[in-house]
PDB file of N, CA and C in Angstrom:
ATOM      1  N   GLY A   1     100.050  62.048 129.465  1.00  0.00           N
ATOM      2  CA  GLY A   1      99.405  60.954 130.177  1.00  0.00           C
ATOM      3  C   GLY A   1     100.377  59.826 130.454  1.00  0.00           C
ATOM      4  N   MET A   2     101.050  59.346 129.413  1.00  0.00           N
ATOM      5  CA  MET A   2     101.971  58.227 129.568  1.00  0.00           C
ATOM      6  C   MET A   2     103.115  58.578 130.506  1.00  0.00           C
ATOM      7  N   MET A   3     103.616  59.799 130.407  1.00  0.00           N
ATOM      8  CA  MET A   3     104.698  60.250 131.287  1.00  0.00           C
ATOM      9  C   MET A   3     104.271  60.189 132.749  1.00  0.00           C
ATOM     10  N   LEU A   4     103.089  60.725 133.035  1.00  0.00           N
ATOM     11  CA  LEU A   4     102.625  60.762 134.415  1.00  0.00           C
ATOM     12  C   LEU A   4     102.382  59.359 134.949  1.00  0.00           C
ATOM     13  N   ALA A   5     101.934  58.457 134.092  1.00  0.00           N
ATOM     14  CA  ALA A   5     101.670  57.086 134.520  1.00  0.00           C
ATOM     15  C   ALA A   5     102.950  56.407 134.989  1.00  0.00           C
ATOM     16  N   LEU A   6     104.075  56.784 134.409  1.00  0.00           N
ATOM     17  CA  LEU A   6     105.347  56.145 134.752  1.00  0.00           C
ATOM     18  C   LEU A   6     106.133  56.941 135.774  1.00  0.00           C
ATOM     19  N   ALA A   7     105.553  58.020 136.272  1.00  0.00           N
ATOM     20  CA  ALA A   7     106.324  58.950 137.086  1.00  0.00           C
ATOM     21  C   ALA A   7     106.871  58.364 138.388  1.00  0.00           C
ATOM     22  N   PRO A   8     106.036  57.762 139.238  1.00  0.00           N
ATOM     23  CA  PRO A   8     106.594  57.338 140.524  1.00  0.00           C
ATOM     24  C   PRO A   8     107.654  56.265 140.322  1.00  0.00           C
ATOM     25  N   SER A   9     108.802  56.431 140.971  1.00  0.00           N
ATOM     26  CA  SER A   9     109.861  55.443 140.804  1.00  0.00           C
ATOM     27  C   SER A   9     109.468  54.175 141.546  1.00  0.00           C
ATOM     28  N   ALA A  10     110.003  53.077 141.085  1.00  0.00           N
ATOM     29  CA  ALA A  10     109.661  51.788 141.680  1.00  0.00           C
ATOM     30  C   ALA A  10     110.116  51.736 143.133  1.00  0.00           C
ATOM     31  N   ASP A  11     109.272  51.216 143.987  1.00  0.00           N
ATOM     32  CA  ASP A  11     109.599  51.032 145.394  1.00  0.00           C
ATOM     33  C   ASP A  11     110.619  49.901 145.498  1.00  0.00           C
ATOM     34  N   PRO A  12     111.745  50.119 146.209  1.00  0.00           N
ATOM     35  CA  PRO A  12     112.748  49.065 146.298  1.00  0.00           C
ATOM     36  C   PRO A  12     112.205  47.778 146.933  1.00  0.00           C
ATOM     37  N   GLY A  13     111.142  47.898 147.729  1.00  0.00           N
ATOM     38  CA  GLY A  13     110.561  46.732 148.363  1.00  0.00           C
ATOM     39  C   GLY A  13     109.693  45.897 147.431  1.00  0.00           C
ATOM     40  N   LEU A  14     109.449  46.414 146.229  1.00  0.00           N
ATOM     41  CA  LEU A  14     108.579  45.703 145.295  1.00  0.00           C
ATOM     42  C   LEU A  14     109.280  44.490 144.704  1.00  0.00           C
ATOM     43  N   ASP A  15     108.477  43.608 144.191  1.00  0.00           N
ATOM     44  CA  ASP A  15     108.948  42.447 143.453  1.00  0.00           C
ATOM     45  C   ASP A  15     109.925  42.899 142.360  1.00  0.00           C
ATOM     46  N   PRO A  16     111.077  42.239 142.246  1.00  0.00           N
ATOM     47  CA  PRO A  16     112.051  42.625 141.206  1.00  0.00           C
ATOM     48  C   PRO A  16     111.464  42.585 139.802  1.00  0.00           C
ATOM     49  N   GLU A  17     110.510  41.682 139.572  1.00  0.00           N
ATOM     50  CA  GLU A  17     109.880  41.617 138.245  1.00  0.00           C
ATOM     51  C   GLU A  17     109.086  42.889 137.964  1.00  0.00           C
ATOM     52  N   VAL A  18     108.390  43.385 138.990  1.00  0.00           N
ATOM     53  CA  VAL A  18     107.619  44.623 138.835  1.00  0.00           C
ATOM     54  C   VAL A  18     108.570  45.776 138.533  1.00  0.00           C
ATOM     55  N   THR A  19     109.675  45.826 139.274  1.00  0.00           N
ATOM     56  CA  THR A  19     110.679  46.868 139.051  1.00  0.00           C
ATOM     57  C   THR A  19     111.241  46.775 137.636  1.00  0.00           C
ATOM     58  N   ALA A  20     111.515  45.557 137.178  1.00  0.00           N
ATOM     59  CA  ALA A  20     112.059  45.354 135.835  1.00  0.00           C
ATOM     60  C   ALA A  20     111.069  45.814 134.776  1.00  0.00           C
ATOM     61  N   ILE A  21     109.789  45.517 134.988  1.00  0.00           N
ATOM     62  CA  ILE A  21     108.745  45.944 134.041  1.00  0.00           C
ATOM     63  C   ILE A  21     108.686  47.475 133.996  1.00  0.00           C
ATOM     64  N   ALA A  22     108.757  48.107 135.177  1.00  0.00           N
ATOM     65  CA  ALA A  22     108.733  49.571 135.234  1.00  0.00           C
ATOM     66  C   ALA A  22     109.942  50.154 134.503  1.00  0.00           C
ATOM     67  N   ASP A  23     111.118  49.541 134.718  1.00  0.00           N
ATOM     68  CA  ASP A  23     112.333  50.023 134.047  1.00  0.00           C
ATOM     69  C   ASP A  23     112.224  49.876 132.537  1.00  0.00           C
ATOM     70  N   THR A  24     111.681  48.746 132.095  1.00  0.00           N
ATOM     71  CA  THR A  24     111.508  48.502 130.661  1.00  0.00           C
ATOM     72  C   THR A  24     110.543  49.517 130.061  1.00  0.00           C
ATOM     73  N   ALA A  25     109.446  49.763 130.778  1.00  0.00           N
ATOM     74  CA  ALA A  25     108.461  50.744 130.308  1.00  0.00           C
ATOM     75  C   ALA A  25     109.107  52.118 130.216  1.00  0.00           C
ATOM     76  N   ARG A  26     109.905  52.458 131.217  1.00  0.00           N
ATOM     77  CA  ARG A  26     110.569  53.761 131.238  1.00  0.00           C
ATOM     78  C   ARG A  26     111.546  53.875 130.068  1.00  0.00           C
ATOM     79  N   ASP A  27     112.310  52.796 129.815  1.00  0.00           N
ATOM     80  CA  ASP A  27     113.235  52.799 128.677  1.00  0.00           C
ATOM     81  C   ASP A  27     112.484  52.994 127.366  1.00  0.00           C
ATOM     82  N   ALA A  28     111.306  52.371 127.267  1.00  0.00           N
ATOM     83  CA  ALA A  28     110.491  52.509 126.058  1.00  0.00           C
ATOM     84  C   ALA A  28     110.054  53.956 125.878  1.00  0.00           C
ATOM     85  N   VAL A  29     109.696  54.613 126.983  1.00  0.00           N
ATOM     86  CA  VAL A  29     109.288  56.020 126.902  1.00  0.00           C
ATOM     87  C   VAL A  29     110.486  56.888 126.519  1.00  0.00           C
ATOM     88  N   VAL A  30     111.657  56.601 127.107  1.00  0.00           N
ATOM     89  CA  VAL A  30     112.877  57.340 126.752  1.00  0.00           C
ATOM     90  C   VAL A  30     113.108  57.248 125.246  1.00  0.00           C
ATOM     91  N   ALA A  31     113.034  56.020 124.718  1.00  0.00           N
ATOM     92  CA  ALA A  31     113.244  55.811 123.282  1.00  0.00           C
ATOM     93  C   ALA A  31     112.203  56.559 122.462  1.00  0.00           C
ATOM     94  N   GLN A  32     110.948  56.540 122.920  1.00  0.00           N
ATOM     95  CA  GLN A  32     109.863  57.199 122.184  1.00  0.00           C
ATOM     96  C   GLN A  32     110.027  58.718 122.188  1.00  0.00           C
ATOM     97  N   VAL A  33     110.387  59.273 123.337  1.00  0.00           N
ATOM     98  CA  VAL A  33     110.583  60.730 123.429  1.00  0.00           C
ATOM     99  C   VAL A  33     111.701  61.164 122.493  1.00  0.00           C
ATOM    100  N   ILE A  34     112.790  60.387 122.496  1.00  0.00           N
ATOM    101  CA  ILE A  34     113.925  60.719 121.637  1.00  0.00           C
ATOM    102  C   ILE A  34     113.528  60.592 120.165  1.00  0.00           C
ATOM    103  N   ALA A  35     112.809  59.523 119.824  1.00  0.00           N
ATOM    104  CA  ALA A  35     112.361  59.334 118.437  1.00  0.00           C
ATOM    105  C   ALA A  35     111.442  60.468 118.005  1.00  0.00           C
ATOM    106  N   ASN A  36     110.534  60.875 118.896  1.00  0.00           N
ATOM    107  CA  ASN A  36     109.609  61.967 118.573  1.00  0.00           C
ATOM    108  C   ASN A  36     110.363  63.264 118.328  1.00  0.00           C
ATOM    109  N   HIS A  37     111.416  63.490 119.102  1.00  0.00           N
ATOM    110  CA  HIS A  37     112.130  64.755 119.006  1.00  0.00           C
ATOM    111  C   HIS A  37     113.062  64.788 117.794  1.00  0.00           C
ATOM    112  N   PHE A  38     113.771  63.676 117.551  1.00  0.00           N
ATOM    113  CA  PHE A  38     114.804  63.679 116.517  1.00  0.00           C
ATOM    114  C   PHE A  38     114.337  63.159 115.176  1.00  0.00           C
ATOM    115  N   GLY A  39     113.199  62.440 115.165  1.00  0.00           N
ATOM    116  CA  GLY A  39     112.706  61.921 113.896  1.00  0.00           C
ATOM    117  C   GLY A  39     113.727  61.006 113.249  1.00  0.00           C
ATOM    118  N   ASP A  40     114.113  61.338 112.011  1.00  0.00           N
ATOM    119  CA  ASP A  40     115.043  60.490 111.262  1.00  0.00           C
ATOM    120  C   ASP A  40     116.502  60.789 111.585  1.00  0.00           C
ATOM    121  N   PHE A  41     116.749  61.824 112.368  1.00  0.00           N
ATOM    122  CA  PHE A  41     118.127  62.176 112.688  1.00  0.00           C
ATOM    123  C   PHE A  41     118.660  61.246 113.780  1.00  0.00           C
ATOM    124  N   GLU A  42     119.946  60.988 113.721  1.00  0.00           N
ATOM    125  CA  GLU A  42     120.596  60.165 114.740  1.00  0.00           C
ATOM    126  C   GLU A  42     120.706  60.992 116.026  1.00  0.00           C
ATOM    127  N   PRO A  43     120.075  60.550 117.114  1.00  0.00           N
ATOM    128  CA  PRO A  43     120.154  61.346 118.341  1.00  0.00           C
ATOM    129  C   PRO A  43     121.533  61.234 118.977  1.00  0.00           C
ATOM    130  N   PRO A  44     122.032  62.322 119.539  1.00  0.00           N
ATOM    131  CA  PRO A  44     123.299  62.226 120.263  1.00  0.00           C
ATOM    132  C   PRO A  44     123.100  61.380 121.516  1.00  0.00           C
ATOM    133  N   PRO A  45     124.137  60.684 121.984  1.00  0.00           N
ATOM    134  CA  PRO A  45     123.984  59.847 123.178  1.00  0.00           C
ATOM    135  C   PRO A  45     123.549  60.659 124.401  1.00  0.00           C
ATOM    136  N   GLU A  46     123.903  61.934 124.420  1.00  0.00           N
ATOM    137  CA  GLU A  46     123.512  62.792 125.550  1.00  0.00           C
ATOM    138  C   GLU A  46     121.998  62.954 125.665  1.00  0.00           C
ATOM    139  N   ALA A  47     121.277  62.692 124.576  1.00  0.00           N
ATOM    140  CA  ALA A  47     119.817  62.804 124.624  1.00  0.00           C
ATOM    141  C   ALA A  47     119.235  61.843 125.651  1.00  0.00           C
ATOM    142  N   GLN A  48     119.855  60.668 125.808  1.00  0.00           N
ATOM    143  CA  GLN A  48     119.361  59.717 126.808  1.00  0.00           C
ATOM    144  C   GLN A  48     119.538  60.270 128.214  1.00  0.00           C
ATOM    145  N   LEU A  49     120.671  60.925 128.458  1.00  0.00           N
ATOM    146  CA  LEU A  49     120.901  61.555 129.765  1.00  0.00           C
ATOM    147  C   LEU A  49     119.810  62.580 130.050  1.00  0.00           C
ATOM    148  N   ILE A  50     119.503  63.413 129.055  1.00  0.00           N
ATOM    149  CA  ILE A  50     118.495  64.458 129.225  1.00  0.00           C
ATOM    150  C   ILE A  50     117.138  63.841 129.572  1.00  0.00           C
ATOM    151  N   VAL A  51     116.726  62.814 128.824  1.00  0.00           N
ATOM    152  CA  VAL A  51     115.398  62.233 129.047  1.00  0.00           C
ATOM    153  C   VAL A  51     115.354  61.490 130.381  1.00  0.00           C
ATOM    154  N   ARG A  52     116.436  60.780 130.722  1.00  0.00           N
ATOM    155  CA  ARG A  52     116.456  60.082 132.018  1.00  0.00           C
ATOM    156  C   ARG A  52     116.395  61.078 133.174  1.00  0.00           C
ATOM    157  N   ALA A  53     117.135  62.167 133.048  1.00  0.00           N
ATOM    158  CA  ALA A  53     117.099  63.206 134.082  1.00  0.00           C
ATOM    159  C   ALA A  53     115.708  63.839 134.157  1.00  0.00           C
ATOM    160  N   PHE A  54     115.062  63.949 133.000  1.00  0.00           N
ATOM    161  CA  PHE A  54     113.712  64.510 132.944  1.00  0.00           C
ATOM    162  C   PHE A  54     112.742  63.713 133.811  1.00  0.00           C
ATOM    163  N   PHE A  55     112.965  62.388 133.908  1.00  0.00           N
ATOM    164  CA  PHE A  55     112.078  61.582 134.747  1.00  0.00           C
ATOM    165  C   PHE A  55     112.122  62.026 136.203  1.00  0.00           C
ATOM    166  N   GLY A  56     113.259  62.545 136.649  1.00  0.00           N
ATOM    167  CA  GLY A  56     113.329  63.091 137.998  1.00  0.00           C
ATOM    168  C   GLY A  56     112.397  64.289 138.146  1.00  0.00           C
ATOM    169  N   LEU A  57     112.343  65.106 137.111  1.00  0.00           N
ATOM    170  CA  LEU A  57     111.438  66.253 137.086  1.00  0.00           C
ATOM    171  C   LEU A  57     109.984  65.794 137.066  1.00  0.00           C
ATOM    172  N   VAL A  58     109.708  64.773 136.251  1.00  0.00           N
ATOM    173  CA  VAL A  58     108.354  64.216 136.191  1.00  0.00           C
ATOM    174  C   VAL A  58     107.918  63.761 137.584  1.00  0.00           C
ATOM    175  N   GLU A  59     108.810  63.046 138.250  1.00  0.00           N
ATOM    176  CA  GLU A  59     108.496  62.492 139.557  1.00  0.00           C
ATOM    177  C   GLU A  59     108.259  63.601 140.589  1.00  0.00           C
ATOM    178  N   ALA A  60     109.160  64.570 140.625  1.00  0.00           N
ATOM    179  CA  ALA A  60     109.039  65.660 141.602  1.00  0.00           C
ATOM    180  C   ALA A  60     107.769  66.478 141.357  1.00  0.00           C
ATOM    181  N   ALA A  61     107.493  66.801 140.101  1.00  0.00           N
ATOM    182  CA  ALA A  61     106.307  67.596 139.781  1.00  0.00           C
ATOM    183  C   ALA A  61     105.034  66.819 140.107  1.00  0.00           C
ATOM    184  N   SER A  62     105.051  65.525 139.833  1.00  0.00           N
ATOM    185  CA  SER A  62     103.880  64.689 140.128  1.00  0.00           C
ATOM    186  C   SER A  62     103.603  64.642 141.624  1.00  0.00           C
ATOM    187  N   ARG A  63     104.663  64.558 142.418  1.00  0.00           N
ATOM    188  CA  ARG A  63     104.491  64.568 143.879  1.00  0.00           C
ATOM    189  C   ARG A  63     103.889  65.883 144.365  1.00  0.00           C
ATOM    190  N   GLU A  64     104.346  66.983 143.788  1.00  0.00           N
ATOM    191  CA  GLU A  64     103.822  68.296 144.179  1.00  0.00           C
ATOM    192  C   GLU A  64     102.307  68.351 143.948  1.00  0.00           C
ATOM    193  N   TRP A  65     101.881  67.743 142.845  1.00  0.00           N
ATOM    194  CA  TRP A  65     100.464  67.742 142.493  1.00  0.00           C
ATOM    195  C   TRP A  65      99.695  66.688 143.296  1.00  0.00           C
ATOM    196  N   LEU A  66     100.134  65.449 143.244  1.00  0.00           N
ATOM    197  CA  LEU A  66      99.343  64.337 143.779  1.00  0.00           C
ATOM    198  C   LEU A  66      99.380  64.243 145.300  1.00  0.00           C
ATOM    199  N   PHE A  67     100.538  64.491 145.900  1.00  0.00           N
ATOM    200  CA  PHE A  67     100.691  64.240 147.334  1.00  0.00           C
ATOM    201  C   PHE A  67     100.729  65.505 148.175  1.00  0.00           C
ATOM    202  N   LYS A  68     101.249  66.590 147.608  1.00  0.00           N
ATOM    203  CA  LYS A  68     101.390  67.821 148.388  1.00  0.00           C
ATOM    204  C   LYS A  68     100.292  68.834 148.085  1.00  0.00           C
ATOM    205  N   GLY A  69      99.617  68.676 146.947  1.00  0.00           N
ATOM    206  CA  GLY A  69      98.553  69.607 146.588  1.00  0.00           C
ATOM    207  C   GLY A  69      99.043  71.008 146.297  1.00  0.00           C
ATOM    208  N   ARG A  70     100.316  71.129 145.883  1.00  0.00           N
ATOM    209  CA  ARG A  70     100.882  72.457 145.629  1.00  0.00           C
ATOM    210  C   ARG A  70     100.879  72.816 144.148  1.00  0.00           C
ATOM    211  N   ALA A  71     100.256  71.980 143.319  1.00  0.00           N
ATOM    212  CA  ALA A  71     100.164  72.252 141.882  1.00  0.00           C
ATOM    213  C   ALA A  71      98.923  71.546 141.362  1.00  0.00           C
ATOM    214  N   THR A  72      98.403  72.053 140.250  1.00  0.00           N
ATOM    215  CA  THR A  72      97.276  71.379 139.606  1.00  0.00           C
ATOM    216  C   THR A  72      97.818  70.446 138.527  1.00  0.00           C
ATOM    217  N   ARG A  73      96.979  69.547 138.089  1.00  0.00           N
ATOM    218  CA  ARG A  73      97.365  68.660 136.982  1.00  0.00           C
ATOM    219  C   ARG A  73      97.760  69.481 135.763  1.00  0.00           C
ATOM    220  N   GLU A  74      96.995  70.553 135.502  1.00  0.00           N
ATOM    221  CA  GLU A  74      97.273  71.386 134.328  1.00  0.00           C
ATOM    222  C   GLU A  74      98.653  72.047 134.443  1.00  0.00           C
ATOM    223  N   GLN A  75      98.993  72.496 135.658  1.00  0.00           N
ATOM    224  CA  GLN A  75     100.308  73.109 135.857  1.00  0.00           C
ATOM    225  C   GLN A  75     101.425  72.101 135.638  1.00  0.00           C
ATOM    226  N   VAL A  76     101.224  70.894 136.154  1.00  0.00           N
ATOM    227  CA  VAL A  76     102.242  69.855 135.994  1.00  0.00           C
ATOM    228  C   VAL A  76     102.392  69.493 134.514  1.00  0.00           C
ATOM    229  N   GLU A  77     101.279  69.354 133.814  1.00  0.00           N
ATOM    230  CA  GLU A  77     101.357  69.034 132.389  1.00  0.00           C
ATOM    231  C   GLU A  77     102.043  70.147 131.608  1.00  0.00           C
ATOM    232  N   ALA A  78     101.779  71.402 131.973  1.00  0.00           N
ATOM    233  CA  ALA A  78     102.449  72.530 131.316  1.00  0.00           C
ATOM    234  C   ALA A  78     103.953  72.489 131.590  1.00  0.00           C
ATOM    235  N   LEU A  79     104.315  72.246 132.851  1.00  0.00           N
ATOM    236  CA  LEU A  79     105.740  72.175 133.226  1.00  0.00           C
ATOM    237  C   LEU A  79     106.449  71.077 132.446  1.00  0.00           C
ATOM    238  N   LEU A  80     105.828  69.909 132.382  1.00  0.00           N
ATOM    239  CA  LEU A  80     106.489  68.772 131.744  1.00  0.00           C
ATOM    240  C   LEU A  80     106.558  68.916 130.228  1.00  0.00           C
ATOM    241  N   SER A  81     105.458  69.378 129.620  1.00  0.00           N
ATOM    242  CA  SER A  81     105.468  69.477 128.160  1.00  0.00           C
ATOM    243  C   SER A  81     106.437  70.567 127.688  1.00  0.00           C
ATOM    244  N   HIS A  82     106.521  71.680 128.427  1.00  0.00           N
ATOM    245  CA  HIS A  82     107.469  72.732 128.065  1.00  0.00           C
ATOM    246  C   HIS A  82     108.873  72.399 128.549  1.00  0.00           C
ATOM    247  N   GLY A  83     108.936  71.705 129.680  1.00  0.00           N
ATOM    248  CA  GLY A  83     110.242  71.364 130.254  1.00  0.00           C
ATOM    249  C   GLY A  83     111.063  70.466 129.358  1.00  0.00           C
ATOM    250  N   ILE A  84     110.443  69.431 128.787  1.00  0.00           N
ATOM    251  CA  ILE A  84     111.207  68.521 127.930  1.00  0.00           C
ATOM    252  C   ILE A  84     111.696  69.252 126.689  1.00  0.00           C
ATOM    253  N   LEU A  85     110.878  70.173 126.164  1.00  0.00           N
ATOM    254  CA  LEU A  85     111.300  70.944 124.985  1.00  0.00           C
ATOM    255  C   LEU A  85     112.464  71.865 125.328  1.00  0.00           C
ATOM    256  N   ALA A  86     112.393  72.522 126.477  1.00  0.00           N
ATOM    257  CA  ALA A  86     113.479  73.415 126.893  1.00  0.00           C
ATOM    258  C   ALA A  86     114.769  72.632 127.123  1.00  0.00           C
ATOM    259  N   LEU A  87     114.637  71.445 127.706  1.00  0.00           N
ATOM    260  CA  LEU A  87     115.824  70.629 127.939  1.00  0.00           C
ATOM    261  C   LEU A  87     116.463  70.217 126.617  1.00  0.00           C
ATOM    262  N   MET A  88     115.648  69.785 125.673  1.00  0.00           N
ATOM    263  CA  MET A  88     116.181  69.365 124.372  1.00  0.00           C
ATOM    264  C   MET A  88     116.772  70.549 123.597  1.00  0.00           C
ATOM    265  N   ARG A  89     116.099  71.699 123.694  1.00  0.00           N
ATOM    266  CA  ARG A  89     116.525  72.869 122.915  1.00  0.00           C
ATOM    267  C   ARG A  89     117.731  73.565 123.534  1.00  0.00           C
ATOM    268  N   ASP A  90     117.719  73.733 124.860  1.00  0.00           N
ATOM    269  CA  ASP A  90     118.741  74.543 125.529  1.00  0.00           C
ATOM    270  C   ASP A  90     119.781  73.721 126.287  1.00  0.00           C
ATOM    271  N   ALA A  91     119.308  72.733 127.049  1.00  0.00           N
ATOM    272  CA  ALA A  91     120.241  71.980 127.883  1.00  0.00           C
ATOM    273  C   ALA A  91     121.061  70.984 127.067  1.00  0.00           C
ATOM    274  N   LEU A  92     120.434  70.296 126.119  1.00  0.00           N
ATOM    275  CA  LEU A  92     121.147  69.269 125.359  1.00  0.00           C
ATOM    276  C   LEU A  92     122.391  69.815 124.651  1.00  0.00           C
ATOM    277  N   PRO A  93     122.295  70.940 123.917  1.00  0.00           N
ATOM    278  CA  PRO A  93     123.513  71.460 123.277  1.00  0.00           C
ATOM    279  C   PRO A  93     124.597  71.825 124.298  1.00  0.00           C
ATOM    280  N   ALA A  94     124.198  72.342 125.453  1.00  0.00           N
ATOM    281  CA  ALA A  94     125.172  72.700 126.485  1.00  0.00           C
ATOM    282  C   ALA A  94     125.850  71.453 127.055  1.00  0.00           C
ATOM    283  N   VAL A  95     125.060  70.388 127.250  1.00  0.00           N
ATOM    284  CA  VAL A  95     125.611  69.128 127.756  1.00  0.00           C
ATOM    285  C   VAL A  95     126.582  68.536 126.730  1.00  0.00           C
ATOM    286  N   MET A  96     126.218  68.605 125.459  1.00  0.00           N
ATOM    287  CA  MET A  96     127.098  68.097 124.402  1.00  0.00           C
ATOM    288  C   MET A  96     128.406  68.892 124.362  1.00  0.00           C
ATOM    289  N   ALA A  97     128.308  70.198 124.473  1.00  0.00           N
ATOM    290  CA  ALA A  97     129.502  71.053 124.457  1.00  0.00           C
ATOM    291  C   ALA A  97     130.386  70.758 125.669  1.00  0.00           C
ATOM    292  N   ALA A  98     129.757  70.557 126.826  1.00  0.00           N
ATOM    293  CA  ALA A  98     130.516  70.248 128.039  1.00  0.00           C
ATOM    294  C   ALA A  98     131.254  68.927 127.884  1.00  0.00           C
ATOM    295  N   GLY A  99     130.655  67.972 127.190  1.00  0.00           N
ATOM    296  CA  GLY A  99     131.308  66.697 126.947  1.00  0.00           C
ATOM    297  C   GLY A  99     132.534  66.841 126.065  1.00  0.00           C
ATOM    298  N   GLN A 100     132.460  67.757 125.107  1.00  0.00           N
ATOM    299  CA  GLN A 100     133.604  67.980 124.222  1.00  0.00           C
ATOM    300  C   GLN A 100     134.765  68.629 124.976  1.00  0.00           C
ATOM    301  N   VAL A 101     134.443  69.546 125.882  1.00  0.00           N
ATOM    302  CA  VAL A 101     135.483  70.183 126.702  1.00  0.00           C
ATOM    303  C   VAL A 101     136.157  69.122 127.556  1.00  0.00           C
ATOM    304  N   GLU A 102     135.336  68.250 128.153  1.00  0.00           N
ATOM    305  CA  GLU A 102     135.838  67.194 129.037  1.00  0.00           C
ATOM    306  C   GLU A 102     136.781  66.255 128.285  1.00  0.00           C
ATOM    307  N   ASN A 103     136.475  66.009 127.006  1.00  0.00           N
ATOM    308  CA  ASN A 103     137.285  65.076 126.206  1.00  0.00           C
ATOM    309  C   ASN A 103     138.540  65.709 125.649  1.00  0.00           C
ATOM    310  N   GLY A 104     138.793  66.958 126.013  1.00  0.00           N
ATOM    311  CA  GLY A 104     140.059  67.568 125.640  1.00  0.00           C
ATOM    312  C   GLY A 104     139.968  68.545 124.490  1.00  0.00           C
ATOM    313  N   ALA A 105     138.902  68.515 123.717  1.00  0.00           N
ATOM    314  CA  ALA A 105     138.769  69.454 122.600  1.00  0.00           C
ATOM    315  C   ALA A 105     138.472  70.845 123.141  1.00  0.00           C
ATOM    316  N   GLY A 106     139.349  71.764 122.906  1.00  0.00           N
ATOM    317  CA  GLY A 106     139.121  73.138 123.329  1.00  0.00           C
ATOM    318  C   GLY A 106     139.408  73.397 124.790  1.00  0.00           C
ATOM    319  N   ARG A 107     140.081  72.455 125.443  1.00  0.00           N
ATOM    320  CA  ARG A 107     140.429  72.691 126.857  1.00  0.00           C
ATOM    321  C   ARG A 107     141.589  73.681 126.945  1.00  0.00           C
ATOM    322  N   ALA A 108     141.481  74.644 127.860  1.00  0.00           N
ATOM    323  CA  ALA A 108     142.567  75.607 128.054  1.00  0.00           C
ATOM    324  C   ALA A 108     143.734  74.910 128.751  1.00  0.00           C
ATOM    325  N   THR A 109     144.946  75.269 128.334  1.00  0.00           N
ATOM    326  CA  THR A 109     146.127  74.641 128.950  1.00  0.00           C
ATOM    327  C   THR A 109     146.839  75.633 129.859  1.00  0.00           C
TER     328      THR A 109
END
């Protein structure tokens, strides 16, 4: 519910205060998702990238349902609830590993 409520990105024509409130709310959700997933463990910084990128998925899926009629609410909720888990489980470790390669550890010469 909370994810879908924050899905549409702020319209650039909107009042900057409204945009700032939306950004703050989104940051709060990012923090909450990460806290829910990692609990007492220190989340890797890449977790923020994953959750922020996930908002793009939230937005696209919401449009398919709300504006295009190509998905049901139940389908969108299934996509999002499973999607965030798949991203954390599968994509996050790959993103972390890619960052280590980029930083020179294990780079082929």
